[in-house]
C-alpha atoms as a PDB file:
ATOM      1  CA  MET A   1      63.069 113.788 101.749  1.00  0.00           C
ATOM      2  CA  GLN A   2      62.297 109.733  99.857  1.00  0.00           C
ATOM      3  CA  LEU A   3      65.286 108.607  97.927  1.00  0.00           C
ATOM      4  CA  LYS A   4      64.015 108.098  93.944  1.00  0.00           C
ATOM      5  CA  LEU A   5      66.811 105.992  91.664  1.00  0.00           C
ATOM      6  CA  ASN A   6      66.931 106.405  87.932  1.00  0.00           C
ATOM      7  CA  SER A   7      68.676 103.378  86.492  1.00  0.00           C
ATOM      8  CA  ARG A   8      70.341 103.184  82.532  1.00  0.00           C
ATOM      9  CA  THR A   9      72.476 101.293  80.825  1.00  0.00           C
ATOM     10  CA  ILE A  10      75.862 102.469  78.998  1.00  0.00           C
ATOM     11  CA  ASP A  11      77.319 100.538  77.179  1.00  0.00           C
ATOM     12  CA  GLY A  12      76.851  97.739  79.079  1.00  0.00           C
ATOM     13  CA  ILE A  13      77.574  99.768  82.526  1.00  0.00           C
ATOM     14  CA  PHE A  14      74.332  99.885  84.696  1.00  0.00           C
ATOM     15  CA  SER A  15      74.773 103.114  86.014  1.00  0.00           C
ATOM     16  CA  VAL A  16      72.199 104.782  88.833  1.00  0.00           C
ATOM     17  CA  ASN A  17      71.326 108.445  89.908  1.00  0.00           C
ATOM     18  CA  CYS A  18      70.364 108.372  93.164  1.00  0.00           C
ATOM     19  CA  ASN A  19      68.396 111.195  94.778  1.00  0.00           C
ATOM     20  CA  GLY A  20      67.684 111.602  98.370  1.00  0.00           C
ATOM     21  CA  ARG A  21      68.799 110.180 101.740  1.00  0.00           C
ATOM     22  CA  ILE A  22      70.040 106.812 101.973  1.00  0.00           C
ATOM     23  CA  VAL A  23      68.929 106.520 105.602  1.00  0.00           C
ATOM     24  CA  PHE A  24      68.220 103.275 107.702  1.00  0.00           C
ATOM     25  CA  GLY A  25      65.125 101.740 106.287  1.00  0.00           C
ATOM     26  CA  GLU A  26      62.969 101.803 103.457  1.00  0.00           C
ATOM     27  CA  GLU A  27      65.428 104.244 101.420  1.00  0.00           C
ATOM     28  CA  SER A  28      68.478 101.457 101.929  1.00  0.00           C
ATOM     29  CA  SER A  29      66.017  98.468 101.469  1.00  0.00           C
ATOM     30  CA  LEU A  30      65.098 100.446  97.947  1.00  0.00           C
ATOM     31  CA  LEU A  31      68.863 100.637  96.928  1.00  0.00           C
ATOM     32  CA  ARG A  32      69.919  97.279  98.044  1.00  0.00           C
ATOM     33  CA  ASP A  33      67.359  95.512  96.251  1.00  0.00           C
ATOM     34  CA  GLN A  34      67.750  97.687  92.920  1.00  0.00           C
ATOM     35  CA  ILE A  35      71.729  96.690  92.839  1.00  0.00           C
ATOM     36  CA  LYS A  36      71.114  92.891  94.386  1.00  0.00           C
ATOM     37  CA  LYS A  37      68.969  92.461  90.945  1.00  0.00           C
ATOM     38  CA  ALA A  38      71.335  94.476  89.036  1.00  0.00           C
ATOM     39  CA  ILE A  39      74.507  92.693  89.719  1.00  0.00           C
ATOM     40  CA  ALA A  40      73.086  89.392  88.378  1.00  0.00           C
ATOM     41  CA  GLU A  41      72.945  90.749  85.170  1.00  0.00           C
ATOM     42  CA  HIS A  42      76.068  93.540  85.334  1.00  0.00           C
ATOM     43  CA  LYS A  43      79.042  93.113  86.436  1.00  0.00           C
ATOM     44  CA  ARG A  44      79.815  97.020  86.392  1.00  0.00           C
ATOM     45  CA  ILE A  45      77.823  99.650  88.141  1.00  0.00           C
ATOM     46  CA  VAL A  46      77.989 103.076  88.806  1.00  0.00           C
ATOM     47  CA  LEU A  47      75.878 105.325  91.891  1.00  0.00           C
ATOM     48  CA  ASN A  48      75.885 108.825  91.297  1.00  0.00           C
ATOM     49  CA  LEU A  49      75.855 110.041  94.099  1.00  0.00           C
ATOM     50  CA  GLY A  50      75.711 113.581  93.371  1.00  0.00           C
ATOM     51  CA  GLU A  51      71.621 114.210  94.526  1.00  0.00           C
ATOM     52  CA  VAL A  52      72.225 112.500  97.521  1.00  0.00           C
ATOM     53  CA  ASN A  53      72.114 114.830 100.563  1.00  0.00           C
ATOM     54  CA  TYR A  54      72.237 112.645 104.012  1.00  0.00           C
ATOM     55  CA  ILE A  55      73.507 109.124 104.334  1.00  0.00           C
ATOM     56  CA  ASP A  56      73.309 107.485 107.889  1.00  0.00           C
ATOM     57  CA  SER A  57      75.117 104.435 109.114  1.00  0.00           C
ATOM     58  CA  GLY A  58      72.782 102.315 108.066  1.00  0.00           C
ATOM     59  CA  GLY A  59      73.301 103.908 104.477  1.00  0.00           C
ATOM     60  CA  LEU A  60      77.138 103.538 104.882  1.00  0.00           C
ATOM     61  CA  GLY A  61      76.465  99.889 105.763  1.00  0.00           C
ATOM     62  CA  THR A  62      74.164  99.109 103.281  1.00  0.00           C
ATOM     63  CA  LEU A  63      77.362 100.982 100.752  1.00  0.00           C
ATOM     64  CA  VAL A  64      79.686  98.299 102.332  1.00  0.00           C
ATOM     65  CA  ALA A  65      77.573  95.447 101.558  1.00  0.00           C
ATOM     66  CA  LEU A  66      76.513  96.070  98.328  1.00  0.00           C
ATOM     67  CA  HIS A  67      80.374  96.785  97.314  1.00  0.00           C
ATOM     68  CA  THR A  68      81.203  93.282  99.268  1.00  0.00           C
ATOM     69  CA  THR A  69      78.204  91.294  97.086  1.00  0.00           C
ATOM     70  CA  ALA A  70      79.406  92.997  93.781  1.00  0.00           C
ATOM     71  CA  ARG A  71      82.960  91.882  94.562  1.00  0.00           C
ATOM     72  CA  ASN A  72      81.992  88.268  95.315  1.00  0.00           C
ATOM     73  CA  ALA A  73      79.999  87.879  92.358  1.00  0.00           C
ATOM     74  CA  GLY A  74      82.688  88.944  90.429  1.00  0.00           C
ATOM     75  CA  GLY A  75      81.590  92.570  89.574  1.00  0.00           C
ATOM     76  CA  THR A  76      82.278  96.447  90.923  1.00  0.00           C
ATOM     77  CA  ILE A  77      80.459  99.495  92.379  1.00  0.00           C
ATOM     78  CA  LYS A  78      81.794 102.687  91.729  1.00  0.00           C
ATOM     79  CA  LEU A  79      80.904 106.043  93.050  1.00  0.00           C
ATOM     80  CA  ALA A  80      80.537 108.678  91.386  1.00  0.00           C
ATOM     81  CA  ASN A  81      79.716 113.021  91.651  1.00  0.00           C
ATOM     82  CA  LEU A  82      79.840 112.917  95.657  1.00  0.00           C
ATOM     83  CA  THR A  83      78.845 116.155  97.426  1.00  0.00           C
ATOM     84  CA  GLU A  84      80.752 117.499  99.823  1.00  0.00           C
ATOM     85  CA  ARG A  85      79.118 116.355 102.559  1.00  0.00           C
ATOM     86  CA  VAL A  86      79.111 112.647 101.386  1.00  0.00           C
ATOM     87  CA  GLY A  87      83.128 112.745 100.699  1.00  0.00           C
ATOM     88  CA  ASP A  88      83.486 113.880 103.694  1.00  0.00           C
ATOM     89  CA  LEU A  89      82.071 111.551 105.621  1.00  0.00           C
ATOM     90  CA  LEU A  90      83.704 108.760 103.624  1.00  0.00           C
ATOM     91  CA  GLN A  91      86.532 110.264 103.917  1.00  0.00           C
ATOM     92  CA  VAL A  92      85.986 110.314 108.271  1.00  0.00           C
ATOM     93  CA  THR A  93      84.750 106.770 107.877  1.00  0.00           C
ATOM     94  CA  LYS A  94      87.865 105.620 106.147  1.00  0.00           C
ATOM     95  CA  LEU A  95      85.853 104.121 103.281  1.00  0.00           C
ATOM     96  CA  LEU A  96      87.306 106.092 100.897  1.00  0.00           C
ATOM     97  CA  THR A  97      89.642 103.594 100.844  1.00  0.00           C
ATOM     98  CA  VAL A  98      87.500 100.738 100.040  1.00  0.00           C
ATOM     99  CA  PHE A  99      85.633 102.029  96.939  1.00  0.00           C
ATOM    100  CA  ASP A 100      86.508 103.317  93.364  1.00  0.00           C
ATOM    101  CA  VAL A 101      85.509 107.037  93.816  1.00  0.00           C
ATOM    102  CA  TYR A 102      85.339 109.500  90.667  1.00  0.00           C
ATOM    103  CA  ASN A 103      84.459 112.814  90.179  1.00  0.00           C
ATOM    104  CA  SER A 104      81.915 112.820  87.834  1.00  0.00           C
ATOM    105  CA  GLU A 105      79.672 109.622  86.170  1.00  0.00           C
ATOM    106  CA  ALA A 106      81.394 109.916  83.134  1.00  0.00           C
ATOM    107  CA  GLU A 107      85.238 109.798  84.659  1.00  0.00           C
ATOM    108  CA  ALA A 108      83.419 106.564  86.277  1.00  0.00           C
ATOM    109  CA  LEU A 109      81.860 105.114  82.626  1.00  0.00           C
ATOM    110  CA  ASP A 110      85.765 105.630  81.526  1.00  0.00           C
ATOM    111  CA  SER A 111      87.188 103.778  84.070  1.00  0.00           C
ATOM    112  CA  PHE A 112      85.181 100.881  83.002  1.00  0.00           C
ATOM    113  CA  ARG A 113      85.400 101.463  79.695  1.00  0.00           C
ATOM    114  CA  LYS A 114      89.480 101.563  79.933  1.00  0.00           C
ATOM    115  CA  GLY A 115      89.715  98.358  82.133  1.00  0.00           C
ATOM    116  CA  ALA A 116      87.638  96.937  79.282  1.00  0.00           C
ATOM    117  CA  ALA A 117      89.966  97.727  76.708  1.00  0.00           C
ATOM    118  CA  ALA A 118      93.409  96.901  78.861  1.00  0.00           C
END
């Protein structure tokens, strides 16, 4: 299945709903291009992965590269709504220790709001 991205801005936080597979090739390029553009404008980004059913090594590499790019630009990417399969993959690869992960998009958005209020 082709990766589909739907984005919106909520209280200044850029949220992207990902639907499909994040794999090496067009899908990873699409995600990378959209998030890199967003990082220039928005320092707070949520990737909602609830509809992602598969991530390969290229997709993992893209997520890590985007995380690094955001950090270097003074931003943060948080992951939300992981499927069991994607959550297991991040656990096995130890990437759960790299990303801030939340059970829902709302929790990820709230964590940004609480951080801004502090």
